[in-house]
């Protein structure tokens, strides 16, 4: 009787391993999608920060030029 239970147990364990591999594969795919999404968001955030810093620099240059023009009169 034990001989019949043993192969059944092996099949159940093998199926559990396969199911676990599928779960791992699904998890890896989800993590890869999340990573790419986070990278895209990070690149967008960096681009926006650079744009704002460039705008601030331009505004400071304009302010200095206006001060120089007013100071020259």
PDB file of N, CA and C in Angstrom:
ATOM      1  N   UNK A   1       0.819  -1.192   0.000  1.00  0.00           N
ATOM      2  CA  UNK A   1       0.000   0.000   0.000  1.00  0.00           C
ATOM      3  C   UNK A   1       0.864   1.257   0.000  1.00  0.00           C
ATOM      4  N   UNK A   2       1.951   1.238   0.747  1.00  0.00           N
ATOM      5  CA  UNK A   2       2.862   2.378   0.778  1.00  0.00           C
ATOM      6  C   UNK A   2       3.451   2.656  -0.602  1.00  0.00           C
ATOM      7  N   UNK A   3       3.641   1.601  -1.387  1.00  0.00           N
ATOM      8  CA  UNK A   3       4.210   1.786  -2.713  1.00  0.00           C
ATOM      9  C   UNK A   3       3.290   2.618  -3.596  1.00  0.00           C
ATOM     10  N   UNK A   4       1.995   2.498  -3.423  1.00  0.00           N
ATOM     11  CA  UNK A   4       1.059   3.294  -4.211  1.00  0.00           C
ATOM     12  C   UNK A   4       1.022   4.738  -3.723  1.00  0.00           C
ATOM     13  N   UNK A   5       1.154   4.946  -2.448  1.00  0.00           N
ATOM     14  CA  UNK A   5       1.108   6.295  -1.892  1.00  0.00           C
ATOM     15  C   UNK A   5       2.365   7.080  -2.257  1.00  0.00           C
ATOM     16  N   UNK A   6       3.492   6.400  -2.339  1.00  0.00           N
ATOM     17  CA  UNK A   6       4.752   7.077  -2.623  1.00  0.00           C
ATOM     18  C   UNK A   6       4.749   7.762  -3.991  1.00  0.00           C
ATOM     19  N   UNK A   7       4.381   7.070  -5.080  1.00  0.00           N
ATOM     20  CA  UNK A   7       4.356   7.781  -6.370  1.00  0.00           C
ATOM     21  C   UNK A   7       3.352   8.928  -6.370  1.00  0.00           C
ATOM     22  N   UNK A   8       2.215   8.747  -5.717  1.00  0.00           N
ATOM     23  CA  UNK A   8       1.230   9.817  -5.637  1.00  0.00           C
ATOM     24  C   UNK A   8       1.800  11.037  -4.931  1.00  0.00           C
ATOM     25  N   UNK A   9       2.574  10.778  -3.881  1.00  0.00           N
ATOM     26  CA  UNK A   9       3.196  11.883  -3.156  1.00  0.00           C
ATOM     27  C   UNK A   9       4.209  12.590  -4.048  1.00  0.00           C
ATOM     28  N   UNK A  10       4.988  11.816  -4.805  1.00  0.00           N
ATOM     29  CA  UNK A  10       5.974  12.417  -5.701  1.00  0.00           C
ATOM     30  C   UNK A  10       5.290  13.274  -6.757  1.00  0.00           C
ATOM     31  N   UNK A  11       4.195  12.770  -7.301  1.00  0.00           N
ATOM     32  CA  UNK A  11       3.458  13.535  -8.308  1.00  0.00           C
ATOM     33  C   UNK A  11       2.951  14.833  -7.696  1.00  0.00           C
ATOM     34  N   UNK A  12       2.415  14.742  -6.495  1.00  0.00           N
ATOM     35  CA  UNK A  12       1.915  15.943  -5.819  1.00  0.00           C
ATOM     36  C   UNK A  12       3.045  16.926  -5.573  1.00  0.00           C
ATOM     37  N   UNK A  13       4.208  16.438  -5.123  1.00  0.00           N
ATOM     38  CA  UNK A  13       5.350  17.325  -4.881  1.00  0.00           C
ATOM     39  C   UNK A  13       5.849  17.934  -6.181  1.00  0.00           C
ATOM     40  N   UNK A  14       5.903  17.112  -7.230  1.00  0.00           N
ATOM     41  CA  UNK A  14       6.360  17.621  -8.527  1.00  0.00           C
ATOM     42  C   UNK A  14       5.403  18.690  -9.036  1.00  0.00           C
ATOM     43  N   UNK A  15       4.107  18.475  -8.878  1.00  0.00           N
ATOM     44  CA  UNK A  15       3.117  19.459  -9.317  1.00  0.00           C
ATOM     45  C   UNK A  15       3.267  20.740  -8.505  1.00  0.00           C
ATOM     46  N   UNK A  16       3.524  20.601  -7.200  1.00  0.00           N
ATOM     47  CA  UNK A  16       3.725  21.780  -6.351  1.00  0.00           C
ATOM     48  C   UNK A  16       4.949  22.554  -6.810  1.00  0.00           C
ATOM     49  N   UNK A  17       6.012  21.863  -7.191  1.00  0.00           N
ATOM     50  CA  UNK A  17       7.225  22.528  -7.686  1.00  0.00           C
ATOM     51  C   UNK A  17       6.921  23.262  -8.983  1.00  0.00           C
ATOM     52  N   UNK A  18       6.194  22.624  -9.885  1.00  0.00           N
ATOM     53  CA  UNK A  18       5.832  23.264 -11.155  1.00  0.00           C
ATOM     54  C   UNK A  18       4.981  24.495 -10.886  1.00  0.00           C
ATOM     55  N   UNK A  19       3.997  24.345 -10.003  1.00  0.00           N
ATOM     56  CA  UNK A  19       3.126  25.471  -9.677  1.00  0.00           C
ATOM     57  C   UNK A  19       3.949  26.601  -9.065  1.00  0.00           C
ATOM     58  N   UNK A  20       4.904  26.252  -8.192  1.00  0.00           N
ATOM     59  CA  UNK A  20       5.762  27.255  -7.581  1.00  0.00           C
ATOM     60  C   UNK A  20       6.615  27.945  -8.626  1.00  0.00           C
ATOM     61  N   UNK A  21       7.121  27.204  -9.613  1.00  0.00           N
ATOM     62  CA  UNK A  21       7.908  27.808 -10.686  1.00  0.00           C
ATOM     63  C   UNK A  21       7.060  28.783 -11.480  1.00  0.00           C
ATOM     64  N   UNK A  22       5.822  28.411 -11.749  1.00  0.00           N
ATOM     65  CA  UNK A  22       4.937  29.320 -12.467  1.00  0.00           C
ATOM     66  C   UNK A  22       4.715  30.583 -11.648  1.00  0.00           C
ATOM     67  N   UNK A  23       4.528  30.427 -10.350  1.00  0.00           N
ATOM     68  CA  UNK A  23       4.349  31.590  -9.502  1.00  0.00           C
ATOM     69  C   UNK A  23       5.605  32.451  -9.505  1.00  0.00           C
ATOM     70  N   UNK A  24       6.765  31.811  -9.448  1.00  0.00           N
ATOM     71  CA  UNK A  24       8.018  32.558  -9.501  1.00  0.00           C
ATOM     72  C   UNK A  24       8.157  33.293 -10.816  1.00  0.00           C
ATOM     73  N   UNK A  25       7.802  32.624 -11.916  1.00  0.00           N
ATOM     74  CA  UNK A  25       7.882  33.263 -13.229  1.00  0.00           C
ATOM     75  C   UNK A  25       6.934  34.453 -13.297  1.00  0.00           C
ATOM     76  N   UNK A  26       5.723  34.281 -12.831  1.00  0.00           N
ATOM     77  CA  UNK A  26       4.752  35.376 -12.804  1.00  0.00           C
ATOM     78  C   UNK A  26       5.276  36.521 -11.949  1.00  0.00           C
ATOM     79  N   UNK A  27       5.851  36.179 -10.806  1.00  0.00           N
ATOM     80  CA  UNK A  27       6.394  37.196  -9.903  1.00  0.00           C
ATOM     81  C   UNK A  27       7.556  37.938 -10.570  1.00  0.00           C
ATOM     82  N   UNK A  28       8.427  37.206 -11.246  1.00  0.00           N
ATOM     83  CA  UNK A  28       9.556  37.848 -11.953  1.00  0.00           C
ATOM     84  C   UNK A  28       9.046  38.801 -13.028  1.00  0.00           C
ATOM     85  N   UNK A  29       8.037  38.367 -13.772  1.00  0.00           N
ATOM     86  CA  UNK A  29       7.481  39.224 -14.823  1.00  0.00           C
ATOM     87  C   UNK A  29       6.863  40.478 -14.226  1.00  0.00           C
ATOM     88  N   UNK A  30       6.122  40.323 -13.130  1.00  0.00           N
ATOM     89  CA  UNK A  30       5.514  41.484 -12.472  1.00  0.00           C
ATOM     90  C   UNK A  30       6.590  42.425 -11.958  1.00  0.00           C
ATOM     91  N   UNK A  31       7.627  41.862 -11.338  1.00  0.00           N
ATOM     92  CA  UNK A  31       8.708  42.692 -10.819  1.00  0.00           C
ATOM     93  C   UNK A  31       9.438  43.413 -11.943  1.00  0.00           C
ATOM     94  N   UNK A  32       9.615  42.755 -13.066  1.00  0.00           N
ATOM     95  CA  UNK A  32      10.276  43.386 -14.216  1.00  0.00           C
ATOM     96  C   UNK A  32       9.426  44.554 -14.730  1.00  0.00           C
ATOM     97  N   UNK A  33       8.095  44.349 -14.799  1.00  0.00           N
ATOM     98  CA  UNK A  33       7.204  45.438 -15.235  1.00  0.00           C
ATOM     99  C   UNK A  33       7.257  46.599 -14.252  1.00  0.00           C
ATOM    100  N   UNK A  34       7.239  46.281 -12.945  1.00  0.00           N
ATOM    101  CA  UNK A  34       7.293  47.334 -11.930  1.00  0.00           C
ATOM    102  C   UNK A  34       8.615  48.093 -12.003  1.00  0.00           C
ATOM    103  N   UNK A  35       9.701  47.376 -12.208  1.00  0.00           N
ATOM    104  CA  UNK A  35      11.009  48.008 -12.312  1.00  0.00           C
ATOM    105  C   UNK A  35      11.045  48.966 -13.496  1.00  0.00           C
ATOM    106  N   UNK A  36      10.568  48.514 -14.637  1.00  0.00           N
ATOM    107  CA  UNK A  36      10.563  49.368 -15.822  1.00  0.00           C
ATOM    108  C   UNK A  36       9.682  50.587 -15.602  1.00  0.00           C
ATOM    109  N   UNK A  37       8.525  50.390 -14.993  1.00  0.00           N
ATOM    110  CA  UNK A  37       7.627  51.502 -14.698  1.00  0.00           C
ATOM    111  C   UNK A  37       8.296  52.511 -13.768  1.00  0.00           C
ATOM    112  N   UNK A  38       8.978  52.010 -12.749  1.00  0.00           N
ATOM    113  CA  UNK A  38       9.682  52.903 -11.820  1.00  0.00           C
ATOM    114  C   UNK A  38      10.810  53.644 -12.516  1.00  0.00           C
ATOM    115  N   UNK A  39      11.513  52.969 -13.416  1.00  0.00           N
ATOM    116  CA  UNK A  39      12.599  53.619 -14.151  1.00  0.00           C
ATOM    117  C   UNK A  39      12.060  54.731 -15.050  1.00  0.00           C
ATOM    118  N   UNK A  40      10.932  54.474 -15.702  1.00  0.00           N
ATOM    119  CA  UNK A  40      10.306  55.489 -16.557  1.00  0.00           C
ATOM    120  C   UNK A  40       9.907  56.691 -15.698  1.00  0.00           C
ATOM    121  N   UNK A  41       9.275  56.440 -14.559  1.00  0.00           N
ATOM    122  CA  UNK A  41       8.868  57.528 -13.673  1.00  0.00           C
ATOM    123  C   UNK A  41      10.081  58.307 -13.167  1.00  0.00           C
ATOM    124  N   UNK A  42      11.151  57.605 -12.844  1.00  0.00           N
ATOM    125  CA  UNK A  42      12.362  58.271 -12.380  1.00  0.00           C
ATOM    126  C   UNK A  42      12.952  59.157 -13.474  1.00  0.00           C
ATOM    127  N   UNK A  43      13.023  58.630 -14.704  1.00  0.00           N
ATOM    128  CA  UNK A  43      13.553  59.436 -15.807  1.00  0.00           C
ATOM    129  C   UNK A  43      12.694  60.677 -16.048  1.00  0.00           C
ATOM    130  N   UNK A  44      11.366  60.520 -15.952  1.00  0.00           N
ATOM    131  CA  UNK A  44      10.470  61.667 -16.127  1.00  0.00           C
ATOM    132  C   UNK A  44      10.683  62.690 -15.016  1.00  0.00           C
ATOM    133  N   UNK A  45      10.853  62.216 -13.801  1.00  0.00           N
ATOM    134  CA  UNK A  45      11.076  63.102 -12.664  1.00  0.00           C
ATOM    135  C   UNK A  45      12.401  63.856 -12.807  1.00  0.00           C
ATOM    136  N   UNK A  46      13.433  63.169 -13.257  1.00  0.00           N
ATOM    137  CA  UNK A  46      14.734  63.812 -13.469  1.00  0.00           C
ATOM    138  C   UNK A  46      14.624  64.868 -14.565  1.00  0.00           C
ATOM    139  N   UNK A  47      13.926  64.547 -15.643  1.00  0.00           N
ATOM    140  CA  UNK A  47      13.746  65.505 -16.737  1.00  0.00           C
ATOM    141  C   UNK A  47      12.986  66.736 -16.249  1.00  0.00           C
ATOM    142  N   UNK A  48      11.950  66.535 -15.454  1.00  0.00           N
ATOM    143  CA  UNK A  48      11.170  67.660 -14.920  1.00  0.00           C
ATOM    144  C   UNK A  48      12.022  68.500 -13.974  1.00  0.00           C
ATOM    145  N   UNK A  49      12.816  67.852 -13.135  1.00  0.00           N
ATOM    146  CA  UNK A  49      13.703  68.586 -12.223  1.00  0.00           C
ATOM    147  C   UNK A  49      14.715  69.412 -13.009  1.00  0.00           C
ATOM    148  N   UNK A  50      15.275  68.838 -14.069  1.00  0.00           N
ATOM    149  CA  UNK A  50      16.232  69.566 -14.905  1.00  0.00           C
ATOM    150  C   UNK A  50      15.550  70.755 -15.570  1.00  0.00           C
ATOM    151  N   UNK A  51      14.343  70.557 -16.066  1.00  0.00           N
ATOM    152  CA  UNK A  51      13.604  71.646 -16.703  1.00  0.00           C
ATOM    153  C   UNK A  51      13.380  72.794 -15.721  1.00  0.00           C
ATOM    154  N   UNK A  52      12.972  72.447 -14.504  1.00  0.00           N
ATOM    155  CA  UNK A  52      12.727  73.479 -13.496  1.00  0.00           C
ATOM    156  C   UNK A  52      14.019  74.195 -13.093  1.00  0.00           C
ATOM    157  N   UNK A  53      15.099  73.456 -12.964  1.00  0.00           N
ATOM    158  CA  UNK A  53      16.391  74.070 -12.621  1.00  0.00           C
ATOM    159  C   UNK A  53      16.846  75.000 -13.743  1.00  0.00           C
ATOM    160  N   UNK A  54      16.676  74.574 -14.994  1.00  0.00           N
ATOM    161  CA  UNK A  54      17.044  75.424 -16.128  1.00  0.00           C
ATOM    162  C   UNK A  54      16.197  76.687 -16.167  1.00  0.00           C
ATOM    163  N   UNK A  55      14.904  76.553 -15.868  1.00  0.00           N
ATOM    164  CA  UNK A  55      14.018  77.719 -15.812  1.00  0.00           C
ATOM    165  C   UNK A  55      14.472  78.687 -14.727  1.00  0.00           C
ATOM    166  N   UNK A  56      14.828  78.151 -13.564  1.00  0.00           N
ATOM    167  CA  UNK A  56      15.295  78.994 -12.460  1.00  0.00           C
ATOM    168  C   UNK A  56      16.588  79.717 -12.848  1.00  0.00           C
ATOM    169  N   UNK A  57      17.509  79.005 -13.500  1.00  0.00           N
ATOM    170  CA  UNK A  57      18.757  79.641 -13.944  1.00  0.00           C
ATOM    171  C   UNK A  57      18.467  80.774 -14.924  1.00  0.00           C
ATOM    172  N   UNK A  58      17.567  80.542 -15.862  1.00  0.00           N
ATOM    173  CA  UNK A  58      17.217  81.576 -16.843  1.00  0.00           C
ATOM    174  C   UNK A  58      16.595  82.776 -16.147  1.00  0.00           C
ATOM    175  N   UNK A  59      15.746  82.526 -15.168  1.00  0.00           N
ATOM    176  CA  UNK A  59      15.106  83.618 -14.447  1.00  0.00           C
ATOM    177  C   UNK A  59      16.146  84.439 -13.674  1.00  0.00           C
ATOM    178  N   UNK A  60      17.099  83.759 -13.049  1.00  0.00           N
ATOM    179  CA  UNK A  60      18.159  84.457 -12.309  1.00  0.00           C
ATOM    180  C   UNK A  60      19.011  85.291 -13.264  1.00  0.00           C
ATOM    181  N   UNK A  61      19.335  84.741 -14.444  1.00  0.00           N
ATOM    182  CA  UNK A  61      20.112  85.508 -15.431  1.00  0.00           C
ATOM    183  C   UNK A  61      19.360  86.761 -15.867  1.00  0.00           C
ATOM    184  N   UNK A  62      18.059  86.618 -16.140  1.00  0.00           N
ATOM    185  CA  UNK A  62      17.246  87.769 -16.534  1.00  0.00           C
ATOM    186  C   UNK A  62      17.234  88.811 -15.428  1.00  0.00           C
ATOM    187  N   UNK A  63      17.090  88.360 -14.197  1.00  0.00           N
ATOM    188  CA  UNK A  63      17.047  89.277 -13.055  1.00  0.00           C
ATOM    189  C   UNK A  63      18.376  90.032 -12.937  1.00  0.00           C
ATOM    190  N   UNK A  64      19.482  89.305 -13.086  1.00  0.00           N
ATOM    191  CA  UNK A  64      20.798  89.959 -13.003  1.00  0.00           C
ATOM    192  C   UNK A  64      20.981  90.966 -14.131  1.00  0.00           C
ATOM    193  N   UNK A  65      20.545  90.600 -15.340  1.00  0.00           N
ATOM    194  CA  UNK A  65      20.657  91.523 -16.474  1.00  0.00           C
ATOM    195  C   UNK A  65      19.817  92.764 -16.240  1.00  0.00           C
ATOM    196  N   UNK A  66      18.605  92.579 -15.708  1.00  0.00           N
ATOM    197  CA  UNK A  66      17.745  93.730 -15.413  1.00  0.00           C
ATOM    198  C   UNK A  66      18.374  94.619 -14.345  1.00  0.00           C
ATOM    199  N   UNK A  67      18.999  93.999 -13.336  1.00  0.00           N
ATOM    200  CA  UNK A  67      19.660  94.767 -12.285  1.00  0.00           C
ATOM    201  C   UNK A  67      20.856  95.534 -12.846  1.00  0.00           C
ATOM    202  N   UNK A  68      21.616  94.913 -13.759  1.00  0.00           N
ATOM    203  CA  UNK A  68      22.753  95.568 -14.379  1.00  0.00           C
ATOM    204  C   UNK A  68      22.297  96.765 -15.219  1.00  0.00           C
ATOM    205  N   UNK A  69      21.203  96.608 -15.967  1.00  0.00           N
ATOM    206  CA  UNK A  69      20.683  97.690 -16.796  1.00  0.00           C
ATOM    207  C   UNK A  69      20.206  98.828 -15.905  1.00  0.00           C
ATOM    208  N   UNK A  70      19.469  98.507 -14.844  1.00  0.00           N
ATOM    209  CA  UNK A  70      18.958  99.547 -13.935  1.00  0.00           C
ATOM    210  C   UNK A  70      20.105 100.229 -13.195  1.00  0.00           C
ATOM    211  N   UNK A  71      21.130  99.482 -12.865  1.00  0.00           N
ATOM    212  CA  UNK A  71      22.277 100.038 -12.111  1.00  0.00           C
ATOM    213  C   UNK A  71      23.127 100.928 -12.984  1.00  0.00           C
ATOM    214  N   UNK A  72      23.089 100.730 -14.289  1.00  0.00           N
ATOM    215  CA  UNK A  72      23.902 101.521 -15.204  1.00  0.00           C
ATOM    216  C   UNK A  72      23.328 102.899 -15.469  1.00  0.00           C
ATOM    217  N   UNK A  73      22.075 103.158 -15.110  1.00  0.00           N
ATOM    218  CA  UNK A  73      21.441 104.446 -15.384  1.00  0.00           C
ATOM    219  C   UNK A  73      21.736 105.465 -14.354  1.00  0.00           C
TER     220      UNK A  73
END
